[in-house]
Structures are given as C-alpha cells and as structure tokens.
Amino acid sequence: MNTTIQKDINQHPVSMYLNNLQSKNAKKTMALALRRALSTSKIPISDISSADVFAFPWNTITRAEVLALKAALLKRSSPATSALTLTAVRGVMGACFDLELIDGDTLKRIERIPNPKVHANPTVGKYVSIEDIEKLKEVMQLDQTPAGKRDLAILGWMWSQGVRVGELCGASLRDWNGKTGKLIIRSGKGGKSRENQLHNGAREAMNDWIQERGNWQGALFVALDKWGKPIKSDKYLSTHTITKMLEKRQRQAGIEKFSPHSLRRTTATDLIEQNGIRVAQIILGHEDISTTARYDRGDKDKAFQLAGERQF
C-alpha cells in the first residue's frame, strides 16, 4: 500500500475530496472546515493557511485523534459547526482510502464516530420587522459612498428574495440583467441553478451599485480599497464579510442584531402567508416543499390566540 501523499495536487486527498463537491460554495465551506480542524485554542484558524491543509499528513490520523478533535471542537464551536468539520475530515479520509493511503479498517473506525447531535430549535431565526429594514435602508441610503450603495444592494436582494448568503457571495456580474431585474443563481444548494427577479427599490439599488462598481466582468459584490473604491477583481466576498457588514449596519441603525439567515426566514414566512407555500418554494430554491414549511415562522402569538378562541 502506498503510504505517501502525492505531491501532484490532482492526486492529493484534499483536492480529490473538494473537487468531488458539487458547488463552489460547498468547496469553500469545506475548505474552511479543514482549516478549522487543524486550528487549536493556541493556533487560531486565521493562522492556518490552505498550504497547511495540503501539507498535513491526513493519512496518519487515528480514531483516537478524531475523537480528541471532536471533543476540542465542541469546547469552542457549536454542535453544527463541529459536525460540519468532522464531515470534512471524514471526506478527506475517504479520499485517502481511494488513493490507497489508508486501509479500510482505519477508515471504518473513523467513519463510525458519530457527529455531535444538532437539535432543531423552533425559536431559532429571528423574524425581521419591516420597521427594522426601513431603519437599515435609511442608514445605507445616507451613506453615499460605494460601501453604502453596495450594502443597500445586498440588503435589497436578501430581503426581497430570501437568497442564501452563500449564493449572494457567489454571484457574478454576468448573472445580473439590469433591464429585467433578473438574477441567475448558479451556485445554488446541490449545484442547482435558479432565477430571482428584483423589482422596485431592490432593482434600483442593484443598478446604482453596478454603476458605482463598473461593468467589468467578475464578482458582483467586491471588496473596497482603502479609499473606499471598488476593487476590480474576480475575488468573491465571503459569508463572514457579509455577516460583519450587516452587524455594523445594525449597530448604526440602533436595532437588535439578527443573522443574514434571518432575512431568508422572514422572506419565507411572508411569501407563504401572502402567496402560498409553492411560491415560496420556487423563490427560495427548495427541492423538497417540507423544507420550505420549516422556514415558516408565522405569528405564533396570533396563532395561539385564534386557536384558543375556537369553540368546543
């Protein structure tokens, strides 16, 4: 059995694992998870590079070390993040097996380690009020710099269409049609594409940002240089950058913090209430309609009140 990791990047277990993932966002997420797996309390993830991930001798990992990793992750990360990280590690170990770097018994012992249990919480996902959105819009509209226009376009797309933050980050200029307001999402979950269409203020905000950005081909949303000007680059923003931007704008608007995914949940709830679950399923890009149903937060207090008024 070959026990040496190949220097050829195409025959490296990390490359093999990541290249087998369907979407660009999945590759980015799991590449980050592998960096997290190598980080410790003394060595933060920011100090772990992609080169470190490729240099690490994955084929030497033992079951005991994966168990220790699981325990360490749970001390500093959520169960969901820990489970995602362990999934990435198992994926690389599977590639090691395919390359005959480890034997089947080693792989089986590692694969039998269960992921941490992630308990669904029905209260997770804040419903974002239109009042809070208006306050955010006001803050961004008052900011007439490129950052203000970019952030307003991002908010408009997320609020009106419930786009996943990863899908937003993966969008390119070629995906946008300023005349029709159509946006092609090429990096959807499961590698599937779909369309969104922006209207009214959301379309205007996107076109304002494009005018500021310029019509050169590359990422739809880009970083800004030290003078606040858009950087002409094909480098996409990260989900972390979007989250931090939203947190900054929430502080400026003086509103309670909510996550980017809360915007998606809110859109789902509103679409279901106003147009029915099938419309929400199409816009959100869910393959299974039961997934859409889980996004419906509704008005719980109102529901309880109406149920309580039913005569028996």
Protein backbone atom coordinates (compact mmCIF):
# COMPACT_ATOMS: atom_id res chain seq x y z
CA MET A 1 0.00 0.00 0.00
CA ASN A 2 1.22 3.47 -0.90
CA THR A 3 1.51 5.45 2.34
CA THR A 4 2.90 8.70 0.96
CA ILE A 5 0.65 11.60 -0.01
CA GLN A 6 1.35 12.53 -3.62
CA LYS A 7 2.88 15.91 -4.39
CA ASP A 8 0.73 16.02 -7.56
CA ILE A 9 -2.09 18.35 -6.50
CA ASN A 10 -4.66 16.39 -8.53
CA GLN A 11 -3.77 13.21 -6.66
CA HIS A 12 -3.86 14.83 -3.24
CA PRO A 13 -6.68 13.61 -0.94
CA VAL A 14 -7.73 17.17 -0.08
CA SER A 15 -8.03 18.07 -3.78
CA MET A 16 -9.91 14.86 -4.53
CA TYR A 17 -12.39 15.48 -1.72
CA LEU A 18 -13.04 19.14 -2.52
CA ASN A 19 -13.27 18.54 -6.28
CA ASN A 20 -15.99 15.94 -5.72
CA LEU A 21 -18.22 18.54 -4.06
CA GLN A 22 -20.86 19.89 -6.42
CA SER A 23 -20.97 23.63 -5.78
CA LYS A 24 -18.37 26.36 -5.43
CA ASN A 25 -19.84 27.35 -2.06
CA ALA A 26 -19.62 23.78 -0.76
CA LYS A 27 -15.94 23.70 -1.73
CA LYS A 28 -15.28 26.98 0.10
CA THR A 29 -17.22 25.86 3.18
CA MET A 30 -15.45 22.53 3.48
CA ALA A 31 -12.02 24.02 2.74
CA LEU A 32 -12.63 26.36 5.68
CA ALA A 33 -13.77 23.39 7.78
CA LEU A 34 -10.46 21.62 7.11
CA ARG A 35 -8.58 24.71 8.25
CA ARG A 36 -10.75 24.70 11.39
CA ALA A 37 -9.87 21.05 12.00
CA LEU A 38 -6.18 21.98 12.18
CA SER A 39 -6.71 25.01 14.43
CA THR A 40 -6.44 24.81 18.19
CA SER A 41 -7.02 27.05 21.19
CA LYS A 42 -3.43 28.26 20.76
CA ILE A 43 -3.39 28.34 16.95
CA PRO A 44 -6.48 30.18 15.63
CA ILE A 45 -7.98 29.41 12.24
CA SER A 46 -6.64 32.73 10.92
CA ASP A 47 -3.12 31.30 11.32
CA ILE A 48 -3.94 28.15 9.34
CA SER A 49 -3.45 28.52 5.57
CA SER A 50 -4.54 26.38 2.64
CA ALA A 51 -0.90 25.31 2.31
CA ASP A 52 -1.04 23.97 5.87
CA VAL A 53 -4.10 21.90 4.97
CA PHE A 54 -2.31 20.33 2.00
CA ALA A 55 0.91 19.78 3.96
CA PHE A 56 -0.84 17.99 6.83
CA PRO A 57 -0.34 14.17 6.82
CA TRP A 58 -4.03 13.21 6.77
CA ASN A 59 -3.22 9.55 6.18
CA THR A 60 -1.65 9.28 9.64
CA ILE A 61 -4.81 10.27 11.55
CA THR A 62 -6.13 7.72 14.04
CA ARG A 63 -9.57 7.15 15.53
CA ALA A 64 -8.32 8.44 18.90
CA GLU A 65 -7.17 11.70 17.29
CA VAL A 66 -10.53 12.24 15.59
CA LEU A 67 -12.29 11.65 18.92
CA ALA A 68 -9.97 14.21 20.54
CA LEU A 69 -10.73 16.64 17.71
CA LYS A 70 -14.46 16.16 18.26
CA ALA A 71 -14.12 16.97 21.97
CA ALA A 72 -11.95 20.04 21.26
CA LEU A 73 -14.36 21.34 18.64
CA LEU A 74 -17.33 21.09 20.98
CA LYS A 75 -15.50 23.26 23.53
CA ARG A 76 -15.08 26.15 21.10
CA SER A 77 -17.73 25.67 18.39
CA SER A 78 -21.42 24.92 18.07
CA PRO A 79 -22.57 21.31 17.51
CA ALA A 80 -23.48 22.19 13.91
CA THR A 81 -20.03 23.66 13.18
CA SER A 82 -18.36 20.72 14.89
CA ALA A 83 -20.39 18.25 12.83
CA LEU A 84 -19.52 20.09 9.61
CA THR A 85 -15.81 20.00 10.47
CA LEU A 86 -15.87 16.28 11.24
CA THR A 87 -17.71 15.64 7.98
CA ALA A 88 -14.91 17.39 6.09
CA VAL A 89 -12.27 15.32 7.88
CA ARG A 90 -14.10 12.09 7.07
CA GLY A 91 -14.34 13.20 3.45
CA VAL A 92 -10.57 13.61 3.20
CA MET A 93 -10.06 10.27 4.92
CA GLY A 94 -12.33 8.68 2.33
CA ALA A 95 -10.12 10.17 -0.39
CA CYS A 96 -7.07 8.76 1.41
CA PHE A 97 -8.68 5.32 1.20
CA ASP A 98 -9.41 5.77 -2.52
CA LEU A 99 -5.74 6.66 -3.06
CA GLU A 100 -4.68 3.57 -1.04
CA LEU A 101 -3.09 5.73 1.64
CA ILE A 102 -5.06 4.05 4.45
CA ASP A 103 -6.76 0.69 4.78
CA GLY A 104 -10.48 0.01 5.01
CA ASP A 105 -10.42 -0.83 8.73
CA THR A 106 -8.87 2.55 9.57
CA LEU A 107 -11.48 4.37 7.51
CA LYS A 108 -14.35 2.38 9.01
CA ARG A 109 -13.23 3.09 12.58
CA ILE A 110 -13.16 6.82 11.84
CA GLU A 111 -16.46 6.83 9.95
CA ARG A 112 -18.18 5.13 12.91
CA ILE A 113 -17.51 8.17 15.10
CA PRO A 114 -20.90 9.92 15.25
CA ASN A 115 -21.35 13.60 14.62
CA PRO A 116 -22.48 15.76 17.56
CA LYS A 117 -26.26 15.88 17.78
CA VAL A 118 -27.70 19.10 16.40
CA HIS A 119 -31.07 19.77 18.00
CA ALA A 120 -33.55 21.79 16.00
CA ASN A 121 -34.78 24.83 17.91
CA PRO A 122 -38.15 26.18 16.76
CA THR A 123 -37.28 29.64 18.11
CA VAL A 124 -34.08 29.91 16.05
CA GLY A 125 -34.30 32.51 13.30
CA LYS A 126 -35.48 35.97 14.24
CA TYR A 127 -38.39 37.43 12.27
CA VAL A 128 -37.14 40.77 10.97
CA SER A 129 -39.75 43.53 11.04
CA ILE A 130 -40.27 45.95 8.17
CA GLU A 131 -39.52 48.73 10.67
CA ASP A 132 -36.01 47.35 11.21
CA ILE A 133 -35.50 47.02 7.46
CA GLU A 134 -36.52 50.65 6.96
CA LYS A 135 -34.00 51.73 9.60
CA LEU A 136 -31.27 49.76 7.87
CA LYS A 137 -32.23 51.23 4.50
CA GLU A 138 -32.08 54.74 5.93
CA VAL A 139 -28.57 54.17 7.30
CA MET A 140 -27.34 52.80 3.98
CA GLN A 141 -29.07 55.48 1.87
CA LEU A 142 -27.47 58.21 3.96
CA ASP A 143 -24.10 56.64 3.21
CA GLN A 144 -23.47 57.85 -0.35
CA THR A 145 -20.09 56.11 -0.57
CA PRO A 146 -19.62 52.94 -2.67
CA ALA A 147 -19.95 50.93 0.55
CA GLY A 148 -23.41 52.36 1.20
CA LYS A 149 -24.58 51.55 -2.32
CA ARG A 150 -23.12 48.05 -2.23
CA ASP A 151 -24.62 47.26 1.17
CA LEU A 152 -28.05 48.56 0.11
CA ALA A 153 -27.99 46.34 -2.99
CA ILE A 154 -27.08 43.35 -0.83
CA LEU A 155 -29.88 44.10 1.64
CA GLY A 156 -32.38 44.61 -1.18
CA TRP A 157 -31.65 41.23 -2.73
CA MET A 158 -31.64 39.35 0.58
CA TRP A 159 -34.81 41.00 1.86
CA SER A 160 -36.88 40.74 -1.30
CA GLN A 161 -35.85 37.26 -2.47
CA GLY A 162 -34.55 35.44 0.61
CA VAL A 163 -31.35 34.49 -1.19
CA ARG A 164 -28.85 32.38 0.74
CA VAL A 165 -25.83 34.42 1.77
CA GLY A 166 -23.53 31.89 0.08
CA GLU A 167 -25.46 32.26 -3.17
CA LEU A 168 -25.17 36.02 -2.94
CA CYS A 169 -21.42 35.80 -2.38
CA GLY A 170 -21.03 33.54 -5.43
CA ALA A 171 -22.85 35.84 -7.88
CA SER A 172 -21.04 37.39 -10.86
CA LEU A 173 -21.83 40.47 -12.92
CA ARG A 174 -22.84 38.23 -15.84
CA ASP A 175 -25.67 36.87 -13.67
CA TRP A 176 -27.43 40.27 -13.48
CA ASN A 177 -29.73 41.85 -16.07
CA GLY A 178 -30.29 45.48 -15.15
CA LYS A 179 -33.19 45.94 -17.59
CA THR A 180 -35.29 42.98 -16.45
CA GLY A 181 -34.03 42.73 -12.86
CA LYS A 182 -33.31 39.03 -13.35
CA LEU A 183 -30.55 37.36 -11.38
CA ILE A 184 -29.30 33.87 -12.23
CA ILE A 185 -28.16 31.96 -9.17
CA ARG A 186 -25.57 29.49 -10.45
CA SER A 187 -24.22 28.37 -7.07
CA GLY A 188 -27.45 27.10 -5.53
CA LYS A 189 -27.57 24.33 -2.96
CA GLY A 190 -26.88 20.95 -4.53
CA GLY A 191 -25.28 22.62 -7.54
CA LYS A 192 -28.66 23.66 -8.96
CA SER A 193 -29.34 26.97 -10.70
CA ARG A 194 -32.46 29.13 -10.48
CA GLU A 195 -33.62 32.67 -11.13
CA ASN A 196 -34.57 35.58 -8.89
CA GLN A 197 -36.07 38.82 -10.14
CA LEU A 198 -35.67 42.15 -8.39
CA HIS A 199 -38.30 44.88 -8.62
CA ASN A 200 -38.75 48.48 -7.45
CA GLY A 201 -36.24 49.62 -4.82
CA ALA A 202 -34.23 46.39 -4.85
CA ARG A 203 -33.64 46.67 -8.62
CA GLU A 204 -32.78 50.36 -8.34
CA ALA A 205 -30.31 49.67 -5.54
CA MET A 206 -28.60 46.94 -7.58
CA ASN A 207 -28.31 49.16 -10.66
CA ASP A 208 -26.93 52.01 -8.51
CA TRP A 209 -24.28 49.64 -7.19
CA ILE A 210 -23.39 48.39 -10.69
CA GLN A 211 -22.95 51.98 -11.87
CA GLU A 212 -20.58 52.56 -8.95
CA ARG A 213 -18.82 49.22 -9.42
CA GLY A 214 -18.37 49.38 -13.18
CA ASN A 215 -19.33 46.91 -15.90
CA TRP A 216 -16.16 44.83 -15.91
CA GLN A 217 -16.65 41.07 -15.59
CA GLY A 218 -16.05 39.47 -12.22
CA ALA A 219 -17.72 39.10 -8.84
CA LEU A 220 -20.99 41.01 -8.48
CA PHE A 221 -20.08 42.21 -4.98
CA VAL A 222 -16.45 43.09 -4.35
CA ALA A 223 -14.30 44.47 -1.57
CA LEU A 224 -13.33 48.15 -1.37
CA ASP A 225 -9.85 49.60 -1.24
CA LYS A 226 -8.55 51.92 1.49
CA TRP A 227 -10.08 54.90 -0.33
CA GLY A 228 -13.47 53.19 -0.38
CA LYS A 229 -13.40 52.42 -4.12
CA PRO A 230 -14.48 49.03 -5.56
CA ILE A 231 -11.54 46.72 -6.19
CA LYS A 232 -11.54 45.41 -9.76
CA SER A 233 -11.25 41.72 -9.00
CA ASP A 234 -12.85 38.33 -9.58
CA LYS A 235 -12.45 37.57 -5.88
CA TYR A 236 -15.82 36.97 -4.22
CA LEU A 237 -16.82 38.30 -0.81
CA SER A 238 -17.01 35.73 1.97
CA THR A 239 -20.11 34.97 4.03
CA HIS A 240 -18.14 36.24 7.04
CA THR A 241 -17.72 39.62 5.36
CA ILE A 242 -21.48 39.87 4.70
CA THR A 243 -22.26 38.95 8.30
CA LYS A 244 -19.86 41.56 9.67
CA MET A 245 -21.23 44.21 7.30
CA LEU A 246 -24.76 43.50 8.48
CA GLU A 247 -23.71 43.67 12.14
CA LYS A 248 -22.06 47.06 11.52
CA ARG A 249 -25.18 48.44 9.84
CA GLN A 250 -27.40 47.10 12.63
CA ARG A 251 -25.31 48.98 15.19
CA GLN A 252 -25.55 52.15 13.12
CA ALA A 253 -29.33 51.75 12.85
CA GLY A 254 -29.69 51.02 16.56
CA ILE A 255 -31.63 47.79 16.04
CA GLU A 256 -31.38 44.34 17.57
CA LYS A 257 -28.86 42.02 15.98
CA PHE A 258 -30.06 39.36 13.54
CA SER A 259 -28.24 36.98 11.21
CA PRO A 260 -28.28 37.03 7.39
CA HIS A 261 -30.27 33.80 7.50
CA SER A 262 -32.98 35.56 9.48
CA LEU A 263 -33.69 37.59 6.35
CA ARG A 264 -34.22 34.35 4.44
CA ARG A 265 -36.55 33.00 7.12
CA THR A 266 -38.50 36.25 7.15
CA THR A 267 -38.91 36.23 3.37
CA ALA A 268 -40.09 32.61 3.54
CA THR A 269 -42.68 33.43 6.19
CA ASP A 270 -44.01 36.45 4.27
CA LEU A 271 -44.14 34.61 0.95
CA ILE A 272 -46.01 31.68 2.48
CA GLU A 273 -48.51 33.97 4.18
CA GLN A 274 -49.11 36.19 1.15
CA ASN A 275 -48.77 33.80 -1.78
CA GLY A 276 -48.74 30.22 -0.51
CA ILE A 277 -46.03 27.67 0.12
CA ARG A 278 -45.50 26.70 -3.53
CA VAL A 279 -44.50 30.26 -4.49
CA ALA A 280 -42.11 30.39 -1.52
CA GLN A 281 -40.58 27.05 -2.56
CA ILE A 282 -39.81 28.37 -6.07
CA ILE A 283 -38.24 31.63 -4.87
CA LEU A 284 -36.19 30.03 -2.09
CA GLY A 285 -34.98 27.16 -4.29
CA HIS A 286 -36.05 24.28 -2.05
CA GLU A 287 -36.23 20.90 -3.75
CA ASP A 288 -38.47 19.50 -1.02
CA ILE A 289 -41.53 21.56 -0.08
CA SER A 290 -41.32 20.25 3.51
CA THR A 291 -38.08 22.24 3.84
CA THR A 292 -39.98 25.39 2.89
CA ALA A 293 -42.61 24.62 5.50
CA ARG A 294 -39.95 24.52 8.23
CA TYR A 295 -38.96 28.09 7.33
CA ASP A 296 -42.43 29.43 8.11
CA ARG A 297 -42.20 31.17 11.49
CA GLY A 298 -45.60 32.84 11.23
CA ASP A 299 -47.11 34.78 14.10
CA LYS A 300 -47.08 32.30 16.95
CA ASP A 301 -48.92 34.53 19.42
CA LYS A 302 -51.66 35.22 16.89
CA ALA A 303 -51.96 31.51 16.09
CA PHE A 304 -52.30 30.63 19.76
CA GLN A 305 -54.95 33.33 20.20
CA LEU A 306 -57.02 32.11 17.26
CA ALA A 307 -56.74 28.50 18.38
CA GLY A 308 -57.85 29.50 21.87
CA GLU A 309 -60.96 31.22 20.52
CA ARG A 310 -62.24 28.08 18.80
CA GLN A 311 -65.45 26.84 20.40
CA PHE A 312 -65.71 23.33 21.81
